């Protein structure tokens, strides 16, 4: 596995020592605790969860199932995000983008971050298991385990495959929604999974290009850091090309109709076109920023198209 070049980063012992040496009077608010659950990421996950719920129910939802599923998913995702912040507080201090996070700068004590993340993760899993069904809870746990243990604790600091394998966690929410309604994971559910899974590498590679120097300083082996921009652009193109036909399969399974398939074809075509433009542009950073922004538009729009175009 590829590893980054050695760098002078604080060891866990040094971090705790530094924390102990800092003033104990720290100003914190409830907003700090909310922020470590990564609200923006949580909202995106709930959007794809809702898409799974909606398609599984053919556009008809039962209020209790919807509310409990979304609440449980929010807790599991938020708990995983808090634990991610707790684990990464050392490298977050190195990067300007993350240096002001509450666990990185000490506004929230490390033990509180650990307890908060663990408690709400467990609460979410119990809510899904008791309030919905075992498959829904198991699916959520697989996503949580992949994100917290496989990605954050292991792959993020050791290999460029971190983003790809970590994408499994990000693609689980629509499966949670589907399992909550059907109690099974049908082919259409796995197509939703693949759409989100294939969407993630171009999204996060674009972010990694934008923040390449931050990741380099922190010693995180993101693809642009280890391999450079050209291989990163090639992989981004490859994922967008594969994503295009996969996104159309929801029409083939009968989960979504003509409105969806036309929308997906257009959205995917634009994504491929933007990826190709990356090989012609003289400003890779501007292009990466555009790719990152469009990736967010694509995610929201493809889910909206599936919801509106449900069969």
Protein backbone atom coordinates (compact mmCIF):
# COMPACT_ATOMS: atom_id res chain seq x y z
CA UNK A 1 0.00 0.00 0.00
CA UNK A 2 1.16 3.48 -0.82
CA UNK A 3 2.22 5.58 2.12
CA UNK A 4 2.96 9.31 2.26
CA UNK A 5 6.38 10.70 2.82
CA UNK A 6 7.42 11.03 6.44
CA UNK A 7 6.39 14.24 8.12
CA UNK A 8 6.70 15.80 11.52
CA UNK A 9 3.26 15.32 13.03
CA UNK A 10 2.44 15.15 16.72
CA UNK A 11 2.18 11.73 18.30
CA UNK A 12 -0.89 10.85 20.40
CA UNK A 13 1.19 11.28 23.55
CA UNK A 14 2.32 14.71 22.43
CA UNK A 15 -1.23 15.66 21.60
CA UNK A 16 -2.49 14.75 25.06
CA UNK A 17 0.49 16.54 26.59
CA UNK A 18 -0.21 19.64 24.53
CA UNK A 19 -3.88 19.50 25.52
CA UNK A 20 -2.98 19.26 29.18
CA UNK A 21 -0.72 22.28 28.83
CA UNK A 22 -3.47 24.39 27.28
CA UNK A 23 -5.66 26.64 29.46
CA UNK A 24 -8.58 24.74 30.93
CA UNK A 25 -10.98 27.67 30.51
CA UNK A 26 -12.32 26.88 27.05
CA UNK A 27 -15.33 28.59 25.52
CA UNK A 28 -17.69 26.10 23.95
CA UNK A 29 -21.35 26.00 23.00
CA UNK A 30 -23.95 23.50 21.87
CA UNK A 31 -23.09 24.48 18.31
CA UNK A 32 -19.64 22.92 18.76
CA UNK A 33 -21.19 19.60 19.71
CA UNK A 34 -23.56 19.76 16.75
CA UNK A 35 -20.73 20.66 14.37
CA UNK A 36 -18.71 17.51 15.08
CA UNK A 37 -21.63 15.45 13.76
CA UNK A 38 -20.95 17.06 10.33
CA UNK A 39 -24.43 18.37 9.64
CA UNK A 40 -23.85 18.98 5.94
CA UNK A 41 -22.72 15.40 5.33
CA UNK A 42 -25.59 14.14 7.46
CA UNK A 43 -28.14 16.04 5.37
CA UNK A 44 -26.72 14.57 2.16
CA UNK A 45 -26.92 11.07 3.64
CA UNK A 46 -30.52 11.64 4.73
CA UNK A 47 -31.38 12.79 1.21
CA UNK A 48 -30.13 9.52 -0.28
CA UNK A 49 -31.83 7.58 2.53
CA UNK A 50 -35.11 9.27 1.64
CA UNK A 51 -34.58 8.36 -2.01
CA UNK A 52 -34.29 4.72 -0.96
CA UNK A 53 -37.43 4.99 1.16
CA UNK A 54 -39.40 6.67 -1.61
CA UNK A 55 -38.42 4.29 -4.41
CA UNK A 56 -38.95 1.22 -2.23
CA UNK A 57 -42.44 2.46 -1.39
CA UNK A 58 -43.24 3.40 -5.02
CA UNK A 59 -43.83 6.98 -3.93
CA UNK A 60 -46.04 6.08 -0.97
CA UNK A 61 -44.57 6.36 2.50
CA UNK A 62 -45.80 5.45 5.96
CA UNK A 63 -45.12 8.30 8.36
CA UNK A 64 -43.81 6.25 11.27
CA UNK A 65 -41.35 4.27 9.14
CA UNK A 66 -40.07 7.40 7.44
CA UNK A 67 -39.54 9.41 10.63
CA UNK A 68 -37.91 6.59 12.60
CA UNK A 69 -35.66 5.57 9.70
CA UNK A 70 -34.45 9.10 9.07
CA UNK A 71 -33.96 9.75 12.80
CA UNK A 72 -32.02 6.53 13.31
CA UNK A 73 -29.90 7.13 10.24
CA UNK A 74 -29.14 10.70 11.36
CA UNK A 75 -27.93 9.41 14.72
CA UNK A 76 -25.74 6.68 13.22
CA UNK A 77 -24.23 9.03 10.63
CA UNK A 78 -23.77 11.83 13.17
CA UNK A 79 -22.18 9.44 15.66
CA UNK A 80 -19.78 8.12 13.04
CA UNK A 81 -18.87 11.68 12.05
CA UNK A 82 -18.16 12.61 15.68
CA UNK A 83 -15.92 9.56 16.06
CA UNK A 84 -14.18 10.48 12.80
CA UNK A 85 -13.49 13.93 14.28
CA UNK A 86 -12.25 12.34 17.49
CA UNK A 87 -9.87 9.97 15.70
CA UNK A 88 -8.60 12.62 13.27
CA UNK A 89 -8.10 15.44 15.78
CA UNK A 90 -4.30 15.17 15.43
CA UNK A 91 -4.19 15.59 11.65
CA UNK A 92 -7.03 18.11 11.72
CA UNK A 93 -4.72 20.42 13.69
CA UNK A 94 -2.23 20.37 10.81
CA UNK A 95 -4.64 21.42 8.06
CA UNK A 96 -5.95 25.01 7.91
CA UNK A 97 -9.34 23.78 6.65
CA UNK A 98 -9.93 21.69 9.77
CA UNK A 99 -7.73 23.31 12.41
CA UNK A 100 -10.66 25.15 14.02
CA UNK A 101 -12.79 22.05 14.51
CA UNK A 102 -13.84 21.80 18.18
CA UNK A 103 -12.01 18.54 18.88
CA UNK A 104 -8.90 19.68 17.03
CA UNK A 105 -8.49 22.95 18.90
CA UNK A 106 -9.65 21.68 22.26
CA UNK A 107 -13.00 23.45 22.59
CA UNK A 108 -14.48 20.01 23.16
CA UNK A 109 -12.41 17.61 25.32
CA UNK A 110 -11.43 14.42 23.52
CA UNK A 111 -13.27 12.18 25.99
CA UNK A 112 -16.51 14.06 25.38
CA UNK A 113 -16.17 13.62 21.64
CA UNK A 114 -15.61 9.90 22.10
CA UNK A 115 -18.58 9.51 24.42
CA UNK A 116 -20.90 11.61 22.25
CA UNK A 117 -20.00 9.74 19.08
CA UNK A 118 -20.35 6.33 20.72
CA UNK A 119 -23.63 7.17 22.47
CA UNK A 120 -25.52 8.55 19.50
CA UNK A 121 -24.18 5.82 17.19
CA UNK A 122 -25.51 3.16 19.56
CA UNK A 123 -28.79 5.04 20.01
CA UNK A 124 -29.31 5.17 16.25
CA UNK A 125 -28.61 1.47 15.78
CA UNK A 126 -30.97 0.51 18.62
CA UNK A 127 -33.68 2.80 17.24
CA UNK A 128 -33.43 1.18 13.81
CA UNK A 129 -33.34 -2.36 15.22
CA UNK A 130 -36.26 -1.93 17.61
CA UNK A 131 -38.29 0.62 15.67
CA UNK A 132 -37.85 -0.75 12.13
CA UNK A 133 -36.20 -4.15 11.59
CA UNK A 134 -32.94 -6.02 12.00
CA UNK A 135 -31.83 -5.72 8.38
CA UNK A 136 -32.12 -1.94 8.51
CA UNK A 137 -29.99 -1.79 11.66
CA UNK A 138 -27.45 -4.26 10.25
CA UNK A 139 -27.14 -2.25 7.05
CA UNK A 140 -26.58 0.94 9.05
CA UNK A 141 -23.95 -0.82 11.18
CA UNK A 142 -22.06 -1.96 8.07
CA UNK A 143 -21.92 1.65 6.90
CA UNK A 144 -20.84 2.88 10.33
CA UNK A 145 -18.15 0.18 10.67
CA UNK A 146 -16.77 0.86 7.20
CA UNK A 147 -16.55 4.60 7.85
CA UNK A 148 -15.21 4.62 11.40
CA UNK A 149 -13.05 1.49 11.55
CA UNK A 150 -12.09 0.57 7.98
CA UNK A 151 -11.78 4.07 6.53
CA UNK A 152 -10.90 6.41 9.40
CA UNK A 153 -8.82 4.14 11.61
CA UNK A 154 -7.08 2.16 8.88
CA UNK A 155 -7.19 3.19 5.22
CA UNK A 156 -7.24 6.98 5.45
CA UNK A 157 -3.63 7.16 6.62
CA UNK A 158 -2.22 4.21 4.69
CA UNK A 159 -3.38 4.06 1.06
CA UNK A 160 -4.85 6.01 -1.84
CA UNK A 161 -7.66 3.44 -1.85
CA UNK A 162 -9.07 5.17 1.23
CA UNK A 163 -11.60 7.18 -0.76
CA UNK A 164 -12.74 4.26 -2.90
CA UNK A 165 -13.23 1.75 -0.09
CA UNK A 166 -14.61 4.45 2.19
CA UNK A 167 -17.20 5.07 -0.50
CA UNK A 168 -18.98 1.93 0.65
CA UNK A 169 -20.06 3.76 3.80
CA UNK A 170 -21.39 6.73 1.86
CA UNK A 171 -23.40 4.47 -0.44
CA UNK A 172 -25.18 2.62 2.38
CA UNK A 173 -27.93 5.18 3.26
CA UNK A 174 -30.23 4.35 0.31
CA UNK A 175 -29.95 0.69 1.33
CA UNK A 176 -31.08 1.67 4.83
CA UNK A 177 -34.13 3.38 3.38
CA UNK A 178 -34.94 0.47 1.10
CA UNK A 179 -34.56 -2.14 3.85
CA UNK A 180 -36.82 -0.12 6.14
CA UNK A 181 -39.70 -0.30 3.66
CA UNK A 182 -39.23 -3.71 2.05
CA UNK A 183 -37.32 -5.69 4.68
CA UNK A 184 -35.11 -6.91 1.81
CA UNK A 185 -32.44 -5.49 -0.49
CA UNK A 186 -33.71 -5.86 -4.06
CA UNK A 187 -31.70 -5.22 -7.29
CA UNK A 188 -32.97 -1.62 -7.46
CA UNK A 189 -31.58 -1.00 -3.97
CA UNK A 190 -28.14 -2.19 -5.07
CA UNK A 191 -28.31 0.03 -8.15
CA UNK A 192 -28.92 3.00 -5.85
CA UNK A 193 -25.92 1.82 -3.84
CA UNK A 194 -23.75 1.66 -6.97
CA UNK A 195 -24.82 5.11 -8.13
CA UNK A 196 -23.73 6.72 -4.87
CA UNK A 197 -20.61 4.52 -4.64
CA UNK A 198 -19.41 5.49 -8.14
CA UNK A 199 -20.28 9.15 -7.54
CA UNK A 200 -18.01 9.46 -4.51
CA UNK A 201 -14.47 9.08 -5.95
CA UNK A 202 -14.84 11.96 -8.46
CA UNK A 203 -16.41 14.05 -5.70
CA UNK A 204 -13.66 13.44 -3.15
CA UNK A 205 -10.81 13.43 -5.66
CA UNK A 206 -11.89 16.93 -6.69
CA UNK A 207 -11.81 17.99 -3.04
CA UNK A 208 -8.40 16.35 -2.63
CA UNK A 209 -7.06 18.32 -5.59
CA UNK A 210 -8.40 21.55 -4.11
CA UNK A 211 -6.79 20.77 -0.75
CA UNK A 212 -3.74 18.87 -1.97
CA UNK A 213 -1.25 20.89 0.08
CA UNK A 214 -3.31 20.43 3.25
CA UNK A 215 -3.34 16.67 2.76
CA UNK A 216 0.37 16.68 1.91
CA UNK A 217 1.19 18.58 5.11
CA UNK A 218 -0.88 16.15 7.17
CA UNK A 219 0.67 13.12 5.50
CA UNK A 220 -2.64 11.80 4.18
CA UNK A 221 -2.03 9.69 1.04
CA UNK A 222 -4.81 11.07 -1.10
CA UNK A 223 -4.44 10.21 -4.78
CA UNK A 224 -3.35 13.71 -5.94
CA UNK A 225 -0.68 13.74 -3.21
CA UNK A 226 0.80 10.33 -4.03
CA UNK A 227 0.23 10.06 -7.79
CA UNK A 228 -0.31 13.64 -8.96
CA UNK A 229 -3.11 15.41 -10.85
CA UNK A 230 -2.93 13.51 -14.15
CA UNK A 231 -3.70 10.03 -12.74
CA UNK A 232 -6.35 11.63 -10.56
CA UNK A 233 -8.07 13.15 -13.58
CA UNK A 234 -7.96 9.79 -15.38
CA UNK A 235 -9.62 8.02 -12.47
CA UNK A 236 -12.25 10.72 -12.15
CA UNK A 237 -13.10 10.30 -15.83
CA UNK A 238 -13.25 6.52 -15.45
CA UNK A 239 -15.71 6.69 -12.58
CA UNK A 240 -17.97 9.21 -14.35
CA UNK A 241 -18.01 7.06 -17.50
CA UNK A 242 -19.03 3.95 -15.54
CA UNK A 243 -21.54 5.94 -13.48
CA UNK A 244 -23.48 7.00 -16.59
CA UNK A 245 -24.83 3.56 -17.66
CA UNK A 246 -25.24 2.36 -14.07
CA UNK A 247 -27.47 5.34 -13.29
CA UNK A 248 -29.79 4.33 -16.13
CA UNK A 249 -30.42 0.86 -14.71
CA UNK A 250 -33.18 2.08 -12.39
CA UNK A 251 -35.28 2.44 -15.52
CA UNK A 252 -34.46 -1.12 -16.55
CA UNK A 253 -35.56 -2.53 -13.18
CA UNK A 254 -38.78 -0.53 -13.32
CA UNK A 255 -38.03 1.52 -10.19
CA UNK A 256 -38.07 4.82 -12.13
CA UNK A 257 -39.61 5.98 -15.38
CA UNK A 258 -38.82 8.06 -18.44
CA UNK A 259 -38.45 11.36 -16.59
CA UNK A 260 -35.74 9.82 -14.46
CA UNK A 261 -33.83 8.10 -17.26
CA UNK A 262 -33.76 11.27 -19.39
CA UNK A 263 -32.61 13.33 -16.42
CA UNK A 264 -29.95 10.78 -15.45
CA UNK A 265 -28.64 10.65 -19.02
CA UNK A 266 -28.29 14.43 -19.16
CA UNK A 267 -26.76 14.76 -15.70
CA UNK A 268 -24.28 11.95 -16.37
CA UNK A 269 -23.38 13.34 -19.78
CA UNK A 270 -22.55 16.71 -18.25
CA UNK A 271 -20.42 14.97 -15.60
CA UNK A 272 -18.43 13.11 -18.28
CA UNK A 273 -18.02 16.30 -20.28
CA UNK A 274 -16.70 18.17 -17.28
CA UNK A 275 -14.29 15.31 -16.54
CA UNK A 276 -12.96 15.45 -20.09
CA UNK A 277 -12.46 19.19 -19.80
CA UNK A 278 -9.98 18.53 -17.02
CA UNK A 279 -7.46 17.31 -19.62
CA UNK A 280 -7.70 20.56 -21.58
CA UNK A 281 -7.84 23.21 -18.91
CA UNK A 282 -4.80 25.28 -17.97
CA UNK A 283 -6.18 25.90 -14.47
CA UNK A 284 -6.59 22.52 -12.73
CA UNK A 285 -7.57 24.09 -9.42
CA UNK A 286 -10.43 26.05 -10.98
CA UNK A 287 -11.52 22.90 -12.79
CA UNK A 288 -11.38 20.83 -9.59
CA UNK A 289 -13.51 23.42 -7.83
CA UNK A 290 -16.06 23.25 -10.64
CA UNK A 291 -16.07 19.44 -10.54
CA UNK A 292 -16.59 19.48 -6.78
CA UNK A 293 -19.53 21.86 -7.04
CA UNK A 294 -21.13 19.94 -9.88
CA UNK A 295 -20.76 16.68 -7.99
CA UNK A 296 -22.99 18.13 -5.26
CA UNK A 297 -25.51 19.29 -7.83
CA UNK A 298 -25.44 15.85 -9.45
CA UNK A 299 -26.13 14.04 -6.18
CA UNK A 300 -29.08 16.26 -5.28
CA UNK A 301 -30.47 16.21 -8.82
CA UNK A 302 -30.17 12.47 -9.49
CA UNK A 303 -32.00 11.69 -6.24
CA UNK A 304 -34.64 14.31 -7.03
CA UNK A 305 -35.10 12.82 -10.51
CA UNK A 306 -35.55 9.35 -9.00
CA UNK A 307 -38.06 10.67 -6.47
CA UNK A 308 -40.10 12.62 -9.03
CA UNK A 309 -39.81 9.90 -11.69
CA UNK A 310 -40.65 6.94 -9.45
CA UNK A 311 -42.79 4.24 -11.06
